[in-house]
Amino acid sequence: MIHCILIGDFSWEGGYVIFMETDTIAAIATGLNNAGISIIRVSGDAAVEVADRIFYSRKEGLHLKDVKTHTIHYGMIKDGDIFLDEVLVSVMRTPNSYTKEDVVEINCHGGIVVTKRILETVLRAGARLAEPGEFTKRAFLNGRIDLSQAEAVMDIIHAKNDMAVKNSVRQLRGDMHKQISQLRDQILHDIAFIEAALDDPEHISMDGFPEKLERNISGYMDRLDKMLRTAENGRMMKEGIKTVILGKPNAGKSSLLNFLMGEDRAIVTDIPGTTRDVLEENVVMNGISLNLVDTAGIRWTEDAVEKIGVDKARGAANEADLILFVVDSSVEMDSNDDEILDAIGSKKVIVVLNKSDLKSVVSEEDIVRRMKQFSFTETEVIRISVKGQTGMEELERKIASLFFSGEVSYNDEIYITSARHKTALMETKRSLEQVMESLRMNMPEDFYSIDLMNAYKELGSIIGEAVDEDLVNMIFKEFCMGK
């Protein structure tokens, strides 16, 4: 159950607390800029009545309170005797609306001044200004979507690439809800059997049940492990792959960044040590979002400022998901390259042999041999020429092969992209591990029930059936206004 304190009546439906708000909210639902169209959204018991007070129809005698649901009406918005704008007004009555309340959307011209003026008129007519995410919050509280679907709404808005959008859409349509609900139902069935057997041992036997429960728990944990294995890729899908470009001074790191960005974002000169600080940019390559970090060239130096840049480069390498180690193939490798290999550690790395348009003195075999000395068992090496603009397609393929199982086009698997969801799944798994431990120790059956109930509640927190008001408010405060 969701524990919330809100003004209004409530009822119970489908496992959710259904709140019928008594106030009506309004906000601008589109970006506040000059555009072709803006939308002011109004939701609540009095939404139609509020809109009716300021809407003037070109059809004599037409009032919004009399129109059918899911219809659009042409007219004007009036502020007293002043006509503000020509509009189309959509009316969507409860329960078939985004919030499961009466909703009115005023489609006006997209000027900033006129949009704000219409919103102010709506507020004077009886609505109040919506809080960030309050429309989606009402959709959740009224049982139209669960909490994971509500979070997917914001993920879609902030998605950085097609893969993130597709994953969020699958979550929005209820794929995660289905998986979590099925697992909860099975756990609840186990709990119910234990409780029934404890209450009525004469008619319900526990003979053989511990063995059956152990098999069930093993299956549940396999499904949890499968979901948790997607979390790291899910994080990178949502936030982007943190890709740090390392190399000696003048290896072509900044030139590579500029080429990947398609514009001159980093200063490029023939003077070693030009880059003194880290430079971060985002680029989408073949459907994969990369958070590119250009760093100072790693080498021993007495220059205090350059040394700070080198230390920052090492720090960035420690936090990287992927390292592009840029090597100038026209110059012999030296101890500075070894220092970089030492900084890479166990990170995923692609060695980029740059300046392939010049005479090469470093081969792929040289790279492999050197990296084996630093315990790298597999080495991805490609040749490129930033100057000649060659090798970029191969670089994209190499990056794709290291992440998302090489499936850049996306597959049907749900990826865990929320740290909150990951934590809940891990807590669920820990509770199930406690059940397994109790089974191995032949503990009394009520011990099983306690830990199974904890697992059931943790899973419920993902879809919003076991969360408190503070968490709900925190989640929706991250939403944009009007959503």
Protein backbone atom coordinates (compact mmCIF):
# COMPACT_ATOMS: atom_id res chain seq x y z
CA MET A 1 0.00 0.00 0.00
CA ILE A 2 1.17 3.54 -0.67
CA HIS A 3 1.19 5.66 2.47
CA CYS A 4 0.28 9.22 1.48
CA ILE A 5 -1.59 12.10 3.02
CA LEU A 6 -3.61 14.02 0.46
CA ILE A 7 -6.72 16.14 0.57
CA GLY A 8 -9.63 14.29 -1.01
CA ASP A 9 -11.55 11.01 -0.98
CA PHE A 10 -9.97 7.66 -1.76
CA SER A 11 -10.91 4.11 -2.61
CA TRP A 12 -9.12 0.80 -3.12
CA GLU A 13 -8.76 -0.64 -6.60
CA GLY A 14 -6.39 -3.25 -8.01
CA GLY A 15 -3.89 -3.09 -5.13
CA TYR A 16 -3.47 0.69 -5.32
CA VAL A 17 -4.85 3.48 -3.22
CA ILE A 18 -6.97 5.53 -5.61
CA PHE A 19 -7.08 9.21 -4.68
CA MET A 20 -9.78 11.49 -6.03
CA GLU A 21 -8.24 14.96 -5.74
CA THR A 22 -10.54 17.82 -4.92
CA ASP A 23 -8.39 20.53 -6.50
CA THR A 24 -7.70 21.21 -10.17
CA ILE A 25 -4.17 21.81 -11.45
CA ALA A 26 -2.78 23.47 -14.58
CA ALA A 27 0.60 23.99 -16.23
CA ILE A 28 2.25 24.56 -19.58
CA ALA A 29 2.90 21.08 -20.96
CA THR A 30 5.21 22.11 -23.81
CA GLY A 31 8.58 23.85 -23.85
CA LEU A 32 8.43 27.52 -22.94
CA ASN A 33 9.83 28.96 -26.15
CA ASN A 34 8.63 30.40 -29.41
CA ALA A 35 7.08 27.53 -31.34
CA GLY A 36 4.19 26.69 -33.61
CA ILE A 37 1.96 25.40 -30.79
CA SER A 38 1.89 25.46 -27.01
CA ILE A 39 -0.32 23.31 -24.76
CA ILE A 40 -1.75 24.29 -21.39
CA ARG A 41 -2.91 21.15 -19.55
CA VAL A 42 -5.65 21.25 -16.89
CA SER A 43 -6.55 18.23 -14.73
CA GLY A 44 -8.99 17.65 -11.87
CA ASP A 45 -12.64 17.50 -10.91
CA ALA A 46 -13.26 21.05 -12.11
CA ALA A 47 -11.04 20.98 -15.22
CA VAL A 48 -13.92 21.25 -17.69
CA GLU A 49 -15.69 23.88 -15.59
CA VAL A 50 -12.52 26.00 -15.35
CA ALA A 51 -11.93 25.82 -19.11
CA ASP A 52 -15.61 26.63 -19.79
CA ARG A 53 -15.26 29.92 -17.89
CA ILE A 54 -12.64 31.25 -20.32
CA PHE A 55 -13.55 29.46 -23.59
CA TYR A 56 -15.64 31.21 -26.23
CA SER A 57 -16.89 28.85 -28.94
CA ARG A 58 -17.60 29.98 -32.48
CA LYS A 59 -20.62 27.66 -32.33
CA GLU A 60 -23.40 29.55 -30.62
CA GLY A 61 -24.52 27.96 -27.37
CA LEU A 62 -21.72 25.37 -27.20
CA HIS A 63 -20.30 24.77 -23.72
CA LEU A 64 -17.48 22.36 -22.88
CA LYS A 65 -19.50 20.84 -20.02
CA ASP A 66 -21.94 19.49 -22.63
CA VAL A 67 -19.46 18.02 -25.13
CA LYS A 68 -18.52 14.36 -25.48
CA THR A 69 -15.25 13.03 -24.17
CA HIS A 70 -12.21 12.92 -26.45
CA THR A 71 -13.42 15.71 -28.72
CA ILE A 72 -11.68 18.86 -29.95
CA HIS A 73 -13.36 22.26 -30.18
CA TYR A 74 -12.39 25.45 -31.99
CA GLY A 75 -12.80 28.84 -30.36
CA MET A 76 -11.11 31.66 -28.45
CA ILE A 77 -9.73 32.09 -24.95
CA LYS A 78 -11.07 35.19 -23.20
CA ASP A 79 -9.71 37.09 -20.21
CA GLY A 80 -12.77 39.08 -19.27
CA ASP A 81 -13.74 40.95 -22.41
CA ILE A 82 -10.30 40.54 -24.01
CA PHE A 83 -9.74 37.78 -26.59
CA LEU A 84 -6.28 36.31 -25.95
CA ASP A 85 -5.82 33.74 -28.73
CA GLU A 86 -7.45 31.41 -31.21
CA VAL A 87 -7.31 27.87 -29.79
CA LEU A 88 -8.28 24.23 -30.11
CA VAL A 89 -9.50 22.71 -26.83
CA SER A 90 -9.37 18.95 -26.21
CA VAL A 91 -11.69 17.44 -23.60
CA MET A 92 -10.88 14.03 -22.05
CA ARG A 93 -13.12 12.84 -19.26
CA THR A 94 -12.30 10.49 -16.41
CA PRO A 95 -11.23 7.71 -16.34
CA ASN A 96 -9.86 7.62 -19.89
CA SER A 97 -7.22 10.33 -19.58
CA TYR A 98 -3.53 10.63 -18.69
CA THR A 99 -4.28 11.34 -15.02
CA LYS A 100 -7.51 9.31 -14.83
CA GLU A 101 -9.23 12.61 -14.01
CA ASP A 102 -11.04 15.09 -16.24
CA VAL A 103 -8.37 16.66 -18.45
CA VAL A 104 -8.59 19.67 -20.74
CA GLU A 105 -5.74 20.67 -23.04
CA ILE A 106 -5.71 24.14 -24.60
CA ASN A 107 -3.72 24.21 -27.84
CA CYS A 108 -2.73 27.80 -28.55
CA HIS A 109 -0.13 29.57 -30.68
CA GLY A 110 3.36 28.99 -29.35
CA GLY A 111 4.45 32.46 -28.33
CA ILE A 112 5.89 32.74 -24.83
CA VAL A 113 3.82 35.81 -23.90
CA VAL A 114 0.47 34.44 -25.08
CA THR A 115 1.09 31.01 -23.51
CA LYS A 116 1.87 32.53 -20.12
CA ARG A 117 -1.14 34.85 -20.40
CA ILE A 118 -3.50 31.94 -21.06
CA LEU A 119 -2.04 29.97 -18.12
CA GLU A 120 -2.56 32.98 -15.84
CA THR A 121 -6.17 33.18 -17.04
CA VAL A 122 -6.71 29.48 -16.31
CA LEU A 123 -5.34 29.95 -12.79
CA ARG A 124 -7.62 32.91 -12.13
CA ALA A 125 -10.54 30.80 -13.36
CA GLY A 126 -10.08 28.33 -10.50
CA ALA A 127 -7.07 26.06 -11.08
CA ARG A 128 -3.79 26.10 -9.20
CA LEU A 129 -0.31 25.81 -10.67
CA ALA A 130 0.81 22.18 -10.86
CA GLU A 131 4.00 21.07 -9.14
CA PRO A 132 6.77 19.41 -11.20
CA GLY A 133 5.61 15.95 -12.27
CA GLU A 134 2.20 16.33 -10.64
CA PHE A 135 0.22 15.15 -13.68
CA THR A 136 2.24 11.92 -13.82
CA LYS A 137 2.09 11.65 -10.02
CA ARG A 138 -1.72 11.72 -10.22
CA ALA A 139 -1.63 9.08 -12.96
CA PHE A 140 0.37 6.91 -10.54
CA LEU A 141 -1.73 7.62 -7.44
CA ASN A 142 -4.94 7.06 -9.40
CA GLY A 143 -3.72 3.62 -10.52
CA ARG A 144 -3.31 4.22 -14.25
CA ILE A 145 0.43 3.47 -14.17
CA ASP A 146 2.80 1.99 -11.61
CA LEU A 147 5.89 3.70 -10.23
CA SER A 148 8.28 2.06 -12.69
CA GLN A 149 6.12 3.28 -15.58
CA ALA A 150 6.03 6.79 -14.10
CA GLU A 151 9.84 6.80 -13.92
CA ALA A 152 9.96 5.58 -17.52
CA VAL A 153 8.12 8.76 -18.58
CA MET A 154 11.01 10.89 -17.36
CA ASP A 155 13.56 8.48 -18.82
CA ILE A 156 11.96 8.92 -22.25
CA ILE A 157 12.18 12.70 -21.94
CA HIS A 158 15.88 12.58 -21.00
CA ALA A 159 16.90 9.69 -23.29
CA LYS A 160 20.23 10.30 -25.05
CA ASN A 161 19.88 7.65 -27.77
CA ASP A 162 17.44 5.33 -29.52
CA MET A 163 18.34 2.36 -27.32
CA ALA A 164 17.45 4.28 -24.16
CA VAL A 165 14.14 5.38 -25.71
CA LYS A 166 13.20 1.83 -26.72
CA ASN A 167 14.02 0.45 -23.28
CA SER A 168 12.00 3.18 -21.56
CA VAL A 169 9.03 2.61 -23.88
CA ARG A 170 9.05 -1.10 -23.01
CA GLN A 171 9.07 -0.16 -19.33
CA LEU A 172 6.29 2.38 -19.91
CA ARG A 173 4.05 -0.17 -21.58
CA GLY A 174 4.37 -2.40 -18.52
CA ASP A 175 7.00 -5.03 -19.36
CA MET A 176 8.86 -4.53 -16.08
CA HIS A 177 5.58 -4.40 -14.14
CA LYS A 178 4.67 -7.78 -15.64
CA GLN A 179 7.98 -9.38 -14.66
CA ILE A 180 7.95 -8.00 -11.13
CA SER A 181 4.27 -8.80 -10.54
CA GLN A 182 4.70 -12.40 -11.70
CA LEU A 183 7.61 -12.91 -9.32
CA ARG A 184 5.71 -11.29 -6.43
CA ASP A 185 2.66 -13.47 -7.07
CA GLN A 186 4.77 -16.62 -6.91
CA ILE A 187 6.49 -15.51 -3.69
CA LEU A 188 3.12 -14.59 -2.18
CA HIS A 189 1.82 -18.06 -3.05
CA ASP A 190 4.70 -19.59 -1.09
CA ILE A 191 4.00 -17.28 1.87
CA ALA A 192 0.29 -18.11 1.80
CA PHE A 193 0.98 -21.85 1.81
CA ILE A 194 3.34 -21.56 4.80
CA GLU A 195 0.88 -19.42 6.77
CA ALA A 196 -2.01 -21.74 5.96
CA ALA A 197 0.01 -24.82 7.00
CA LEU A 198 1.03 -23.16 10.28
CA ASP A 199 -2.59 -22.20 11.01
CA ASP A 200 -4.08 -25.57 10.07
CA PRO A 201 -1.41 -28.29 10.39
CA GLU A 202 -4.04 -31.04 10.63
CA HIS A 203 -5.27 -30.50 7.10
CA ILE A 204 -2.26 -28.94 5.33
CA SER A 205 0.96 -30.93 5.39
CA MET A 206 4.43 -29.38 5.05
CA ASP A 207 5.92 -32.75 4.02
CA GLY A 208 8.19 -32.20 1.03
CA PHE A 209 7.55 -28.46 0.99
CA PRO A 210 11.10 -27.37 2.01
CA GLU A 211 12.50 -29.18 -1.03
CA LYS A 212 9.88 -27.59 -3.28
CA LEU A 213 10.53 -24.14 -1.76
CA GLU A 214 14.27 -24.55 -2.33
CA ARG A 215 13.63 -25.24 -6.03
CA ASN A 216 11.29 -22.25 -6.22
CA ILE A 217 13.80 -19.92 -4.53
CA SER A 218 16.55 -21.10 -6.87
CA GLY A 219 14.36 -20.22 -9.85
CA TYR A 220 13.50 -16.80 -8.40
CA MET A 221 17.17 -16.01 -7.84
CA ASP A 222 18.05 -17.02 -11.40
CA ARG A 223 15.49 -14.50 -12.67
CA LEU A 224 16.85 -11.81 -10.34
CA ASP A 225 20.40 -12.51 -11.49
CA LYS A 226 19.31 -12.15 -15.10
CA MET A 227 17.80 -8.73 -14.38
CA LEU A 228 20.79 -7.60 -12.32
CA ARG A 229 23.20 -8.58 -15.10
CA THR A 230 21.57 -5.94 -17.29
CA ALA A 231 22.13 -3.14 -14.75
CA GLU A 232 25.62 -2.09 -15.85
CA ASN A 233 24.68 -1.96 -19.52
CA GLY A 234 21.43 -0.29 -18.48
CA ARG A 235 23.32 2.45 -16.66
CA MET A 236 25.48 3.10 -19.71
CA MET A 237 22.43 2.98 -21.98
CA LYS A 238 20.78 5.67 -19.89
CA GLU A 239 23.76 7.84 -18.95
CA GLY A 240 26.11 7.06 -21.82
CA ILE A 241 29.40 5.15 -21.92
CA LYS A 242 32.07 7.20 -20.14
CA THR A 243 34.83 7.04 -22.73
CA VAL A 244 38.20 8.46 -21.75
CA ILE A 245 40.79 9.25 -24.42
CA LEU A 246 44.32 8.61 -23.17
CA GLY A 247 47.69 8.87 -24.83
CA LYS A 248 51.01 10.65 -24.88
CA PRO A 249 51.16 14.33 -25.83
CA ASN A 250 50.67 14.87 -29.57
CA ALA A 251 49.31 11.35 -30.17
CA GLY A 252 46.15 12.87 -31.67
CA LYS A 253 43.73 12.65 -28.74
CA SER A 254 42.17 16.07 -29.25
CA SER A 255 42.07 15.55 -33.01
CA LEU A 256 40.18 12.29 -32.43
CA LEU A 257 37.69 14.06 -30.15
CA ASN A 258 37.12 16.77 -32.74
CA PHE A 259 36.62 14.19 -35.48
CA LEU A 260 34.12 12.18 -33.43
CA MET A 261 32.25 15.38 -32.56
CA GLY A 262 32.26 16.64 -36.14
CA GLU A 263 33.50 20.05 -34.97
CA ASP A 264 36.55 21.68 -33.39
CA ARG A 265 35.87 21.37 -29.66
CA ALA A 266 39.47 20.90 -28.52
CA ILE A 267 42.53 23.00 -29.34
CA VAL A 268 44.92 21.13 -31.61
CA THR A 269 48.55 22.21 -32.12
CA ASP A 270 51.92 20.56 -32.79
CA ILE A 271 53.10 21.69 -29.35
CA PRO A 272 53.15 18.82 -26.82
CA GLY A 273 51.14 19.47 -23.67
CA THR A 274 48.57 21.80 -25.25
CA THR A 275 45.70 20.06 -23.45
CA ARG A 276 45.99 20.88 -19.74
CA ASP A 277 42.51 19.98 -18.46
CA VAL A 278 39.80 17.42 -19.18
CA LEU A 279 37.20 18.28 -21.82
CA GLU A 280 33.87 16.41 -21.80
CA GLU A 281 31.44 16.08 -24.73
CA ASN A 282 28.61 13.75 -25.71
CA VAL A 283 28.26 12.05 -29.08
CA VAL A 284 25.99 9.30 -30.40
CA MET A 285 27.80 6.73 -32.54
CA ASN A 286 25.66 4.14 -34.31
CA GLY A 287 22.96 4.33 -31.62
CA ILE A 288 25.40 4.27 -28.68
CA SER A 289 25.81 7.37 -26.52
CA LEU A 290 29.43 8.13 -25.62
CA ASN A 291 30.42 10.65 -22.95
CA LEU A 292 33.81 11.51 -24.39
CA VAL A 293 36.54 12.79 -22.08
CA ASP A 294 39.66 14.27 -23.67
CA THR A 295 42.60 14.39 -21.26
CA ALA A 296 46.05 15.83 -20.95
CA GLY A 297 48.82 13.71 -22.44
CA ILE A 298 50.25 11.40 -19.78
CA ARG A 299 53.98 11.87 -19.36
CA TRP A 300 56.49 12.86 -16.71
CA THR A 301 56.68 16.65 -16.50
CA GLU A 302 58.05 19.40 -14.25
CA ASP A 303 55.35 21.85 -15.41
CA ALA A 304 53.05 22.28 -12.36
CA VAL A 305 49.95 23.06 -14.44
CA GLU A 306 50.51 20.19 -16.86
CA LYS A 307 51.11 17.85 -13.91
CA ILE A 308 47.64 18.72 -12.57
CA GLY A 309 46.22 17.81 -15.98
CA VAL A 310 48.05 14.47 -15.95
CA ASP A 311 46.69 13.68 -12.48
CA LYS A 312 43.17 14.51 -13.71
CA ALA A 313 43.70 12.19 -16.68
CA ARG A 314 44.58 9.35 -14.32
CA GLY A 315 41.50 10.11 -12.20
CA ALA A 316 39.27 10.07 -15.29
CA ALA A 317 40.74 6.70 -16.31
CA ASN A 318 39.76 5.22 -12.94
CA GLU A 319 36.10 6.19 -13.55
CA ALA A 320 35.93 5.17 -17.22
CA ASP A 321 33.74 2.50 -18.79
CA LEU A 322 35.93 2.48 -21.90
CA ILE A 323 39.37 3.82 -22.66
CA LEU A 324 40.55 4.79 -26.12
CA PHE A 325 44.34 4.52 -25.90
CA VAL A 326 45.64 6.67 -28.74
CA VAL A 327 49.10 5.71 -29.99
CA ASP A 328 51.04 7.69 -32.59
CA SER A 329 52.04 4.86 -34.92
CA SER A 330 54.79 7.01 -36.48
CA VAL A 331 56.70 7.26 -33.16
CA GLU A 332 58.31 4.50 -31.12
CA MET A 333 56.50 3.55 -27.90
CA ASP A 334 58.32 4.38 -24.66
CA SER A 335 58.00 4.47 -20.88
CA ASN A 336 55.21 7.05 -21.10
CA ASP A 337 53.09 4.47 -22.95
CA ASP A 338 53.86 1.98 -20.20
CA GLU A 339 52.68 4.53 -17.64
CA ILE A 340 49.40 4.82 -19.54
CA LEU A 341 48.96 1.04 -19.69
CA ASP A 342 49.52 0.92 -15.97
CA ALA A 343 46.82 3.61 -15.49
CA ILE A 344 44.31 1.65 -17.60
CA GLY A 345 44.29 -1.29 -15.22
CA SER A 346 41.40 -3.69 -15.89
CA LYS A 347 39.24 -1.28 -17.90
CA LYS A 348 37.87 -2.11 -21.32
CA VAL A 349 40.30 -0.62 -23.81
CA ILE A 350 40.63 -0.11 -27.54
CA VAL A 351 44.09 0.80 -28.80
CA VAL A 352 43.80 3.38 -31.56
CA LEU A 353 46.87 3.41 -33.80
CA ASN A 354 46.65 6.93 -35.17
CA LYS A 355 48.46 8.62 -38.06
CA SER A 356 48.24 5.59 -40.31
CA ASP A 357 48.77 7.99 -43.24
CA LEU A 358 52.41 8.34 -42.12
CA LYS A 359 55.19 5.76 -42.18
CA SER A 360 54.46 3.34 -39.33
CA VAL A 361 57.08 2.23 -36.81
CA VAL A 362 54.55 0.61 -34.43
CA SER A 363 52.65 -2.52 -35.50
CA GLU A 364 49.63 -4.32 -34.07
CA GLU A 365 51.99 -7.08 -32.94
CA ASP A 366 54.10 -4.54 -31.02
CA ILE A 367 50.98 -3.37 -29.20
CA VAL A 368 49.85 -6.90 -28.31
CA ARG A 369 53.29 -7.85 -26.97
CA ARG A 370 53.53 -4.71 -24.87
CA MET A 371 50.05 -5.13 -23.43
CA LYS A 372 50.69 -8.76 -22.49
CA GLN A 373 53.43 -7.46 -20.22
CA PHE A 374 50.68 -5.63 -18.33
CA SER A 375 48.47 -8.75 -18.13
CA PHE A 376 46.06 -7.77 -20.94
CA THR A 377 44.85 -11.10 -22.36
CA GLU A 378 42.70 -9.65 -25.15
CA THR A 379 43.69 -6.58 -27.12
CA GLU A 380 41.47 -4.64 -29.53
CA VAL A 381 43.62 -2.67 -31.97
CA ILE A 382 42.53 -0.57 -34.95
CA ARG A 383 44.37 1.70 -37.32
CA ILE A 384 42.94 5.12 -38.07
CA SER A 385 43.98 8.41 -39.58
CA VAL A 386 42.17 11.39 -38.13
CA LYS A 387 43.82 13.56 -40.76
CA GLY A 388 42.77 11.21 -43.56
CA GLN A 389 39.41 10.51 -41.86
CA THR A 390 39.76 6.74 -42.13
CA GLY A 391 39.03 3.94 -39.67
CA MET A 392 36.05 5.52 -37.90
CA GLU A 393 33.55 2.85 -38.98
CA GLU A 394 35.82 0.15 -37.62
CA LEU A 395 36.12 2.07 -34.34
CA GLU A 396 32.31 2.18 -34.05
CA ARG A 397 32.10 -1.59 -34.62
CA LYS A 398 34.78 -2.25 -31.99
CA ILE A 399 32.95 -0.15 -29.40
CA ALA A 400 29.68 -1.92 -30.20
CA SER A 401 31.30 -5.33 -29.75
CA LEU A 402 32.37 -4.45 -26.20
CA PHE A 403 28.94 -3.35 -24.95
CA PHE A 404 25.32 -4.53 -25.03
CA SER A 405 26.50 -7.99 -26.18
CA GLY A 406 27.35 -6.40 -29.51
CA GLU A 407 23.66 -5.84 -30.25
CA VAL A 408 23.70 -2.15 -31.14
CA SER A 409 20.33 -2.43 -32.88
CA TYR A 410 18.75 -3.44 -29.53
CA ASN A 411 17.11 -6.66 -28.39
CA ASP A 412 13.92 -7.50 -26.47
CA GLU A 413 15.55 -7.65 -23.04
CA ILE A 414 14.52 -5.16 -20.36
CA TYR A 415 17.58 -3.32 -19.04
CA ILE A 416 17.65 -2.12 -15.44
CA THR A 417 18.50 1.58 -15.77
CA SER A 418 17.46 2.86 -12.31
CA ALA A 419 19.79 2.69 -9.31
CA ARG A 420 16.67 2.46 -7.14
CA HIS A 421 15.45 -0.61 -9.00
CA LYS A 422 18.88 -2.23 -8.84
CA THR A 423 19.07 -1.71 -5.06
CA ALA A 424 15.60 -3.21 -4.57
CA LEU A 425 16.50 -6.26 -6.67
CA MET A 426 19.71 -6.77 -4.68
CA GLU A 427 17.80 -6.53 -1.39
CA THR A 428 15.27 -9.02 -2.75
CA LYS A 429 18.05 -11.42 -3.59
CA ARG A 430 19.57 -11.04 -0.12
CA SER A 431 16.24 -11.91 1.48
CA LEU A 432 15.92 -15.00 -0.70
CA GLU A 433 19.46 -16.02 0.23
CA GLN A 434 18.36 -15.84 3.86
CA VAL A 435 15.50 -18.21 3.06
CA MET A 436 17.96 -20.65 1.48
CA GLU A 437 20.17 -20.43 4.56
CA SER A 438 17.17 -21.12 6.83
CA LEU A 439 16.28 -24.15 4.68
CA ARG A 440 19.81 -25.53 4.94
CA MET A 441 19.73 -25.08 8.74
CA ASN A 442 16.26 -26.71 9.05
CA MET A 443 14.91 -23.60 10.76
CA PRO A 444 11.18 -23.35 11.70
CA GLU A 445 8.88 -22.52 8.80
CA ASP A 446 7.94 -19.07 10.12
CA PHE A 447 11.54 -17.98 9.45
CA TYR A 448 10.97 -18.69 5.77
CA SER A 449 7.85 -16.56 5.80
CA ILE A 450 9.58 -13.51 7.32
CA ASP A 451 12.32 -13.35 4.67
CA LEU A 452 9.93 -14.17 1.84
CA MET A 453 7.74 -11.26 2.94
CA ASN A 454 10.78 -8.95 2.91
CA ALA A 455 11.52 -10.05 -0.66
CA TYR A 456 7.88 -9.46 -1.61
CA LYS A 457 8.00 -5.92 -0.17
CA GLU A 458 11.30 -5.02 -1.87
CA LEU A 459 9.90 -6.04 -5.25
CA GLY A 460 6.79 -4.02 -4.46
CA SER A 461 8.89 -0.90 -3.98
CA ILE A 462 9.88 -1.05 -7.67
CA ILE A 463 6.32 -0.78 -8.92
CA GLY A 464 5.11 1.44 -6.08
CA GLU A 465 3.13 -0.96 -3.93
CA ALA A 466 5.36 -0.64 -0.89
CA VAL A 467 6.69 2.92 -0.83
CA ASP A 468 6.09 5.87 1.46
CA GLU A 469 5.05 9.40 0.62
CA ASP A 470 8.56 10.87 0.95
CA LEU A 471 9.98 8.56 -1.72
CA VAL A 472 7.07 9.26 -4.08
CA ASN A 473 7.51 13.02 -3.63
CA MET A 474 11.28 12.77 -4.18
CA ILE A 475 10.84 10.84 -7.44
CA PHE A 476 8.30 13.25 -8.91
CA LYS A 477 10.24 16.36 -7.90
CA GLU A 478 12.79 15.31 -10.52
CA PHE A 479 10.16 15.66 -13.25
CA CYS A 480 9.81 18.72 -15.44
CA MET A 481 6.95 21.20 -14.98
CA GLY A 482 3.81 20.28 -16.90
CA LYS A 483 4.53 16.54 -16.95
